[in-house]
Amino acid sequence: MNAVMKMLLEEQLKDQIEARLLTQAYALYTQGMKNLARAEEAEYPYIAELRMKLALKLLRTHNETLEALRKHRQQGEQRVVVQHVQVNDGGKAIVGNQIVAGGG
């Protein structure tokens, strides 16, 4: 619990949603890694396989949680893509809602 509190204090949290997502991500990662270690130590192959499958599910969910956090943090941001387009003499290009003749 102390590690979670330390992590939350170090992060620049905007709201409770970020705190929840980070706490969930931490717990999923911790449990995933513990199950990987237990899979290595398992006496029987079927137990090792079960632990490995559980670890993979936990770590996959961890990654999905981090993606949800990333999307939440980008909320409202817009991306602008700038492309260079060359229009030869007599050619036409659509810029916005207008057709522009090329050449000069």
N, C-alpha and C. Protein backbone atom coordinates (compact mmCIF):
# COMPACT_ATOMS: atom_id res chain seq x y z
N MET A 1 0.82 -1.20 0.00
CA MET A 1 0.00 0.00 0.00
C MET A 1 0.87 1.26 0.00
N ASN A 2 1.99 1.20 0.70
CA ASN A 2 2.89 2.36 0.73
C ASN A 2 3.44 2.67 -0.65
N ALA A 3 3.74 1.63 -1.41
CA ALA A 3 4.26 1.84 -2.77
C ALA A 3 3.21 2.51 -3.65
N VAL A 4 1.95 2.12 -3.49
CA VAL A 4 0.86 2.73 -4.27
C VAL A 4 0.72 4.20 -3.90
N MET A 5 0.74 4.49 -2.62
CA MET A 5 0.60 5.89 -2.17
C MET A 5 1.76 6.73 -2.67
N LYS A 6 2.97 6.19 -2.63
CA LYS A 6 4.14 6.91 -3.12
C LYS A 6 4.01 7.20 -4.61
N MET A 7 3.57 6.19 -5.38
CA MET A 7 3.40 6.37 -6.82
C MET A 7 2.35 7.45 -7.11
N LEU A 8 1.24 7.42 -6.38
CA LEU A 8 0.18 8.39 -6.60
C LEU A 8 0.63 9.80 -6.26
N LEU A 9 1.44 9.94 -5.24
CA LEU A 9 1.94 11.26 -4.86
C LEU A 9 2.95 11.80 -5.87
N GLU A 10 3.73 10.90 -6.50
CA GLU A 10 4.73 11.32 -7.47
C GLU A 10 4.11 11.73 -8.81
N GLU A 11 2.96 11.16 -9.14
CA GLU A 11 2.29 11.46 -10.41
C GLU A 11 1.58 12.81 -10.32
N GLN A 12 1.46 13.44 -11.46
CA GLN A 12 0.71 14.69 -11.55
C GLN A 12 -0.75 14.34 -11.87
N LEU A 13 -1.51 13.95 -10.86
CA LEU A 13 -2.88 13.49 -11.07
C LEU A 13 -3.83 14.66 -11.29
N LYS A 14 -4.69 14.52 -12.28
CA LYS A 14 -5.68 15.55 -12.58
C LYS A 14 -6.99 15.30 -11.81
N ASP A 15 -7.32 14.02 -11.62
CA ASP A 15 -8.62 13.70 -11.02
C ASP A 15 -8.62 12.30 -10.43
N GLN A 16 -9.78 11.90 -9.89
CA GLN A 16 -9.91 10.59 -9.25
C GLN A 16 -9.83 9.46 -10.26
N ILE A 17 -10.24 9.71 -11.49
CA ILE A 17 -10.19 8.67 -12.51
C ILE A 17 -8.74 8.25 -12.74
N GLU A 18 -7.85 9.23 -12.83
CA GLU A 18 -6.43 8.91 -13.01
C GLU A 18 -5.90 8.12 -11.82
N ALA A 19 -6.29 8.49 -10.62
CA ALA A 19 -5.84 7.77 -9.42
C ALA A 19 -6.31 6.33 -9.46
N ARG A 20 -7.56 6.13 -9.84
CA ARG A 20 -8.10 4.76 -9.91
C ARG A 20 -7.38 3.94 -10.98
N LEU A 21 -7.19 4.53 -12.15
CA LEU A 21 -6.54 3.80 -13.23
C LEU A 21 -5.10 3.44 -12.88
N LEU A 22 -4.38 4.37 -12.26
CA LEU A 22 -3.00 4.09 -11.86
C LEU A 22 -2.93 3.03 -10.76
N THR A 23 -3.86 3.08 -9.81
CA THR A 23 -3.89 2.08 -8.75
C THR A 23 -4.19 0.71 -9.33
N GLN A 24 -5.15 0.67 -10.26
CA GLN A 24 -5.50 -0.59 -10.91
C GLN A 24 -4.32 -1.13 -11.72
N ALA A 25 -3.65 -0.26 -12.46
CA ALA A 25 -2.51 -0.67 -13.27
C ALA A 25 -1.41 -1.24 -12.38
N TYR A 26 -1.15 -0.60 -11.27
CA TYR A 26 -0.12 -1.06 -10.34
C TYR A 26 -0.46 -2.45 -9.80
N ALA A 27 -1.71 -2.62 -9.38
CA ALA A 27 -2.13 -3.91 -8.82
C ALA A 27 -2.06 -5.02 -9.88
N LEU A 28 -2.50 -4.73 -11.08
CA LEU A 28 -2.46 -5.73 -12.15
C LEU A 28 -1.02 -6.13 -12.48
N TYR A 29 -0.14 -5.14 -12.55
CA TYR A 29 1.26 -5.43 -12.86
C TYR A 29 1.89 -6.27 -11.75
N THR A 30 1.65 -5.88 -10.51
CA THR A 30 2.23 -6.60 -9.37
C THR A 30 1.77 -8.05 -9.35
N GLN A 31 0.47 -8.26 -9.51
CA GLN A 31 -0.05 -9.63 -9.49
C GLN A 31 0.40 -10.43 -10.70
N GLY A 32 0.50 -9.78 -11.84
CA GLY A 32 1.00 -10.46 -13.04
C GLY A 32 2.42 -10.95 -12.85
N MET A 33 3.26 -10.10 -12.30
CA MET A 33 4.66 -10.49 -12.08
C MET A 33 4.78 -11.58 -11.01
N LYS A 34 3.95 -11.51 -9.99
CA LYS A 34 3.97 -12.56 -8.96
C LYS A 34 3.58 -13.91 -9.56
N ASN A 35 2.59 -13.89 -10.45
CA ASN A 35 2.17 -15.15 -11.06
C ASN A 35 3.21 -15.69 -12.03
N LEU A 36 3.96 -14.82 -12.68
CA LEU A 36 5.07 -15.29 -13.51
C LEU A 36 6.12 -15.99 -12.65
N ALA A 37 6.44 -15.39 -11.51
CA ALA A 37 7.42 -16.00 -10.60
C ALA A 37 6.90 -17.33 -10.08
N ARG A 38 5.63 -17.40 -9.73
CA ARG A 38 5.05 -18.65 -9.23
C ARG A 38 5.01 -19.72 -10.31
N ALA A 39 4.83 -19.31 -11.56
CA ALA A 39 4.85 -20.28 -12.66
C ALA A 39 6.23 -20.92 -12.78
N GLU A 40 7.26 -20.13 -12.58
CA GLU A 40 8.63 -20.66 -12.62
C GLU A 40 8.89 -21.64 -11.50
N GLU A 41 8.28 -21.42 -10.34
CA GLU A 41 8.52 -22.24 -9.16
C GLU A 41 7.58 -23.44 -9.06
N ALA A 42 6.60 -23.54 -9.96
CA ALA A 42 5.59 -24.59 -9.85
C ALA A 42 6.21 -25.98 -9.99
N GLU A 43 5.72 -26.92 -9.20
CA GLU A 43 6.22 -28.29 -9.23
C GLU A 43 5.67 -29.06 -10.43
N TYR A 44 4.45 -28.74 -10.82
CA TYR A 44 3.79 -29.49 -11.88
C TYR A 44 3.58 -28.59 -13.11
N PRO A 45 3.77 -29.15 -14.30
CA PRO A 45 3.62 -28.35 -15.52
C PRO A 45 2.24 -27.72 -15.68
N TYR A 46 1.18 -28.45 -15.30
CA TYR A 46 -0.15 -27.87 -15.47
C TYR A 46 -0.37 -26.66 -14.55
N ILE A 47 0.24 -26.68 -13.37
CA ILE A 47 0.16 -25.52 -12.47
C ILE A 47 0.94 -24.36 -13.06
N ALA A 48 2.11 -24.64 -13.61
CA ALA A 48 2.92 -23.60 -14.25
C ALA A 48 2.14 -22.96 -15.41
N GLU A 49 1.46 -23.81 -16.18
CA GLU A 49 0.68 -23.29 -17.32
C GLU A 49 -0.48 -22.41 -16.84
N LEU A 50 -1.17 -22.84 -15.81
CA LEU A 50 -2.27 -22.04 -15.26
C LEU A 50 -1.77 -20.68 -14.76
N ARG A 51 -0.65 -20.70 -14.04
CA ARG A 51 -0.07 -19.45 -13.52
C ARG A 51 0.35 -18.53 -14.67
N MET A 52 0.93 -19.13 -15.72
CA MET A 52 1.38 -18.35 -16.86
C MET A 52 0.19 -17.70 -17.57
N LYS A 53 -0.88 -18.45 -17.76
CA LYS A 53 -2.08 -17.91 -18.41
C LYS A 53 -2.68 -16.77 -17.59
N LEU A 54 -2.73 -16.96 -16.29
CA LEU A 54 -3.25 -15.92 -15.41
C LEU A 54 -2.37 -14.67 -15.48
N ALA A 55 -1.06 -14.87 -15.46
CA ALA A 55 -0.13 -13.74 -15.55
C ALA A 55 -0.33 -12.96 -16.85
N LEU A 56 -0.48 -13.69 -17.95
CA LEU A 56 -0.68 -13.03 -19.24
C LEU A 56 -1.97 -12.22 -19.27
N LYS A 57 -3.03 -12.76 -18.70
CA LYS A 57 -4.30 -12.03 -18.64
C LYS A 57 -4.15 -10.76 -17.80
N LEU A 58 -3.50 -10.90 -16.66
CA LEU A 58 -3.30 -9.74 -15.78
C LEU A 58 -2.45 -8.67 -16.47
N LEU A 59 -1.38 -9.07 -17.12
CA LEU A 59 -0.50 -8.09 -17.76
C LEU A 59 -1.14 -7.48 -19.01
N ARG A 60 -1.97 -8.24 -19.71
CA ARG A 60 -2.71 -7.69 -20.84
C ARG A 60 -3.71 -6.63 -20.35
N THR A 61 -4.38 -6.94 -19.25
CA THR A 61 -5.32 -5.98 -18.67
C THR A 61 -4.58 -4.75 -18.16
N HIS A 62 -3.38 -4.95 -17.64
CA HIS A 62 -2.53 -3.83 -17.21
C HIS A 62 -2.27 -2.90 -18.39
N ASN A 63 -1.90 -3.47 -19.52
CA ASN A 63 -1.65 -2.65 -20.71
C ASN A 63 -2.90 -1.91 -21.18
N GLU A 64 -4.04 -2.57 -21.12
CA GLU A 64 -5.30 -1.93 -21.49
C GLU A 64 -5.63 -0.78 -20.53
N THR A 65 -5.32 -0.96 -19.27
CA THR A 65 -5.56 0.09 -18.28
C THR A 65 -4.67 1.30 -18.56
N LEU A 66 -3.41 1.06 -18.91
CA LEU A 66 -2.52 2.17 -19.26
C LEU A 66 -3.00 2.89 -20.52
N GLU A 67 -3.55 2.15 -21.47
CA GLU A 67 -4.10 2.77 -22.68
C GLU A 67 -5.32 3.62 -22.34
N ALA A 68 -6.16 3.13 -21.44
CA ALA A 68 -7.32 3.91 -20.99
C ALA A 68 -6.86 5.19 -20.30
N LEU A 69 -5.80 5.11 -19.51
CA LEU A 69 -5.25 6.29 -18.85
C LEU A 69 -4.73 7.29 -19.87
N ARG A 70 -4.02 6.77 -20.88
CA ARG A 70 -3.50 7.65 -21.93
C ARG A 70 -4.64 8.38 -22.65
N LYS A 71 -5.69 7.65 -22.98
CA LYS A 71 -6.84 8.25 -23.67
C LYS A 71 -7.53 9.28 -22.77
N HIS A 72 -7.65 8.95 -21.49
CA HIS A 72 -8.27 9.89 -20.56
C HIS A 72 -7.46 11.18 -20.46
N ARG A 73 -6.15 11.05 -20.43
CA ARG A 73 -5.29 12.23 -20.33
C ARG A 73 -5.30 13.08 -21.59
N GLN A 74 -5.57 12.48 -22.73
CA GLN A 74 -5.60 13.22 -23.99
C GLN A 74 -6.99 13.78 -24.30
N GLN A 75 -7.91 13.62 -23.41
CA GLN A 75 -9.28 14.06 -23.61
C GLN A 75 -9.31 15.52 -24.04
N GLY A 76 -9.95 15.78 -25.17
CA GLY A 76 -10.09 17.15 -25.64
C GLY A 76 -8.94 17.64 -26.49
N GLU A 77 -7.86 16.88 -26.54
CA GLU A 77 -6.74 17.30 -27.38
C GLU A 77 -7.05 17.02 -28.84
N GLN A 78 -6.57 17.89 -29.69
CA GLN A 78 -6.74 17.70 -31.11
C GLN A 78 -5.38 17.51 -31.74
N ARG A 79 -5.34 16.70 -32.78
CA ARG A 79 -4.11 16.49 -33.50
C ARG A 79 -4.25 17.11 -34.89
N VAL A 80 -3.20 17.75 -35.32
CA VAL A 80 -3.18 18.37 -36.64
C VAL A 80 -2.12 17.66 -37.46
N VAL A 81 -2.53 17.19 -38.64
CA VAL A 81 -1.60 16.53 -39.54
C VAL A 81 -1.32 17.48 -40.69
N VAL A 82 -0.05 17.78 -40.91
CA VAL A 82 0.35 18.68 -41.99
C VAL A 82 1.00 17.84 -43.08
N GLN A 83 0.47 17.95 -44.30
CA GLN A 83 1.02 17.21 -45.42
C GLN A 83 1.38 18.18 -46.53
N HIS A 84 2.49 17.92 -47.17
CA HIS A 84 2.92 18.71 -48.31
C HIS A 84 2.39 18.02 -49.57
N VAL A 85 1.63 18.75 -50.34
CA VAL A 85 1.09 18.22 -51.59
C VAL A 85 1.52 19.14 -52.71
N GLN A 86 2.05 18.55 -53.76
CA GLN A 86 2.48 19.35 -54.91
C GLN A 86 1.43 19.23 -56.00
N VAL A 87 0.97 20.38 -56.51
CA VAL A 87 -0.01 20.41 -57.59
C VAL A 87 0.68 21.00 -58.82
N ASN A 88 0.75 20.21 -59.86
CA ASN A 88 1.41 20.65 -61.09
C ASN A 88 0.53 21.62 -61.87
N ASP A 89 1.13 22.29 -62.87
CA ASP A 89 0.38 23.23 -63.72
C ASP A 89 -0.85 22.54 -64.29
N GLY A 90 -1.97 23.23 -64.17
CA GLY A 90 -3.23 22.71 -64.71
C GLY A 90 -3.91 21.70 -63.79
N GLY A 91 -3.25 21.29 -62.73
CA GLY A 91 -3.83 20.33 -61.79
C GLY A 91 -4.74 21.03 -60.80
N LYS A 92 -5.48 20.24 -60.05
CA LYS A 92 -6.37 20.79 -59.03
C LYS A 92 -6.19 20.01 -57.74
N ALA A 93 -6.36 20.72 -56.65
CA ALA A 93 -6.28 20.09 -55.33
C ALA A 93 -7.44 20.59 -54.49
N ILE A 94 -7.93 19.76 -53.61
CA ILE A 94 -8.99 20.18 -52.69
C ILE A 94 -8.33 20.58 -51.38
N VAL A 95 -8.51 21.85 -51.00
CA VAL A 95 -7.97 22.39 -49.77
C VAL A 95 -9.15 22.86 -48.95
N GLY A 96 -9.41 22.15 -47.84
CA GLY A 96 -10.60 22.49 -47.06
C GLY A 96 -11.83 22.16 -47.90
N ASN A 97 -12.69 23.15 -48.11
CA ASN A 97 -13.89 22.97 -48.92
C ASN A 97 -13.76 23.64 -50.27
N GLN A 98 -12.57 24.05 -50.65
CA GLN A 98 -12.38 24.78 -51.89
C GLN A 98 -11.50 24.00 -52.84
N ILE A 99 -11.76 24.15 -54.14
CA ILE A 99 -10.90 23.55 -55.15
C ILE A 99 -9.95 24.64 -55.61
N VAL A 100 -8.67 24.34 -55.56
CA VAL A 100 -7.64 25.33 -55.90
C VAL A 100 -6.91 24.86 -57.14
N ALA A 101 -6.77 25.72 -58.12
CA ALA A 101 -6.03 25.39 -59.33
C ALA A 101 -4.54 25.47 -59.05
N GLY A 102 -3.79 24.54 -59.64
CA GLY A 102 -2.34 24.51 -59.41
C GLY A 102 -1.60 25.34 -60.44
N GLY A 103 -0.31 25.42 -60.25
CA GLY A 103 0.54 26.14 -61.21
C GLY A 103 0.64 27.60 -60.87
N GLY A 104 1.37 28.29 -61.68
CA GLY A 104 1.52 29.68 -61.31
C GLY A 104 1.71 30.51 -62.43
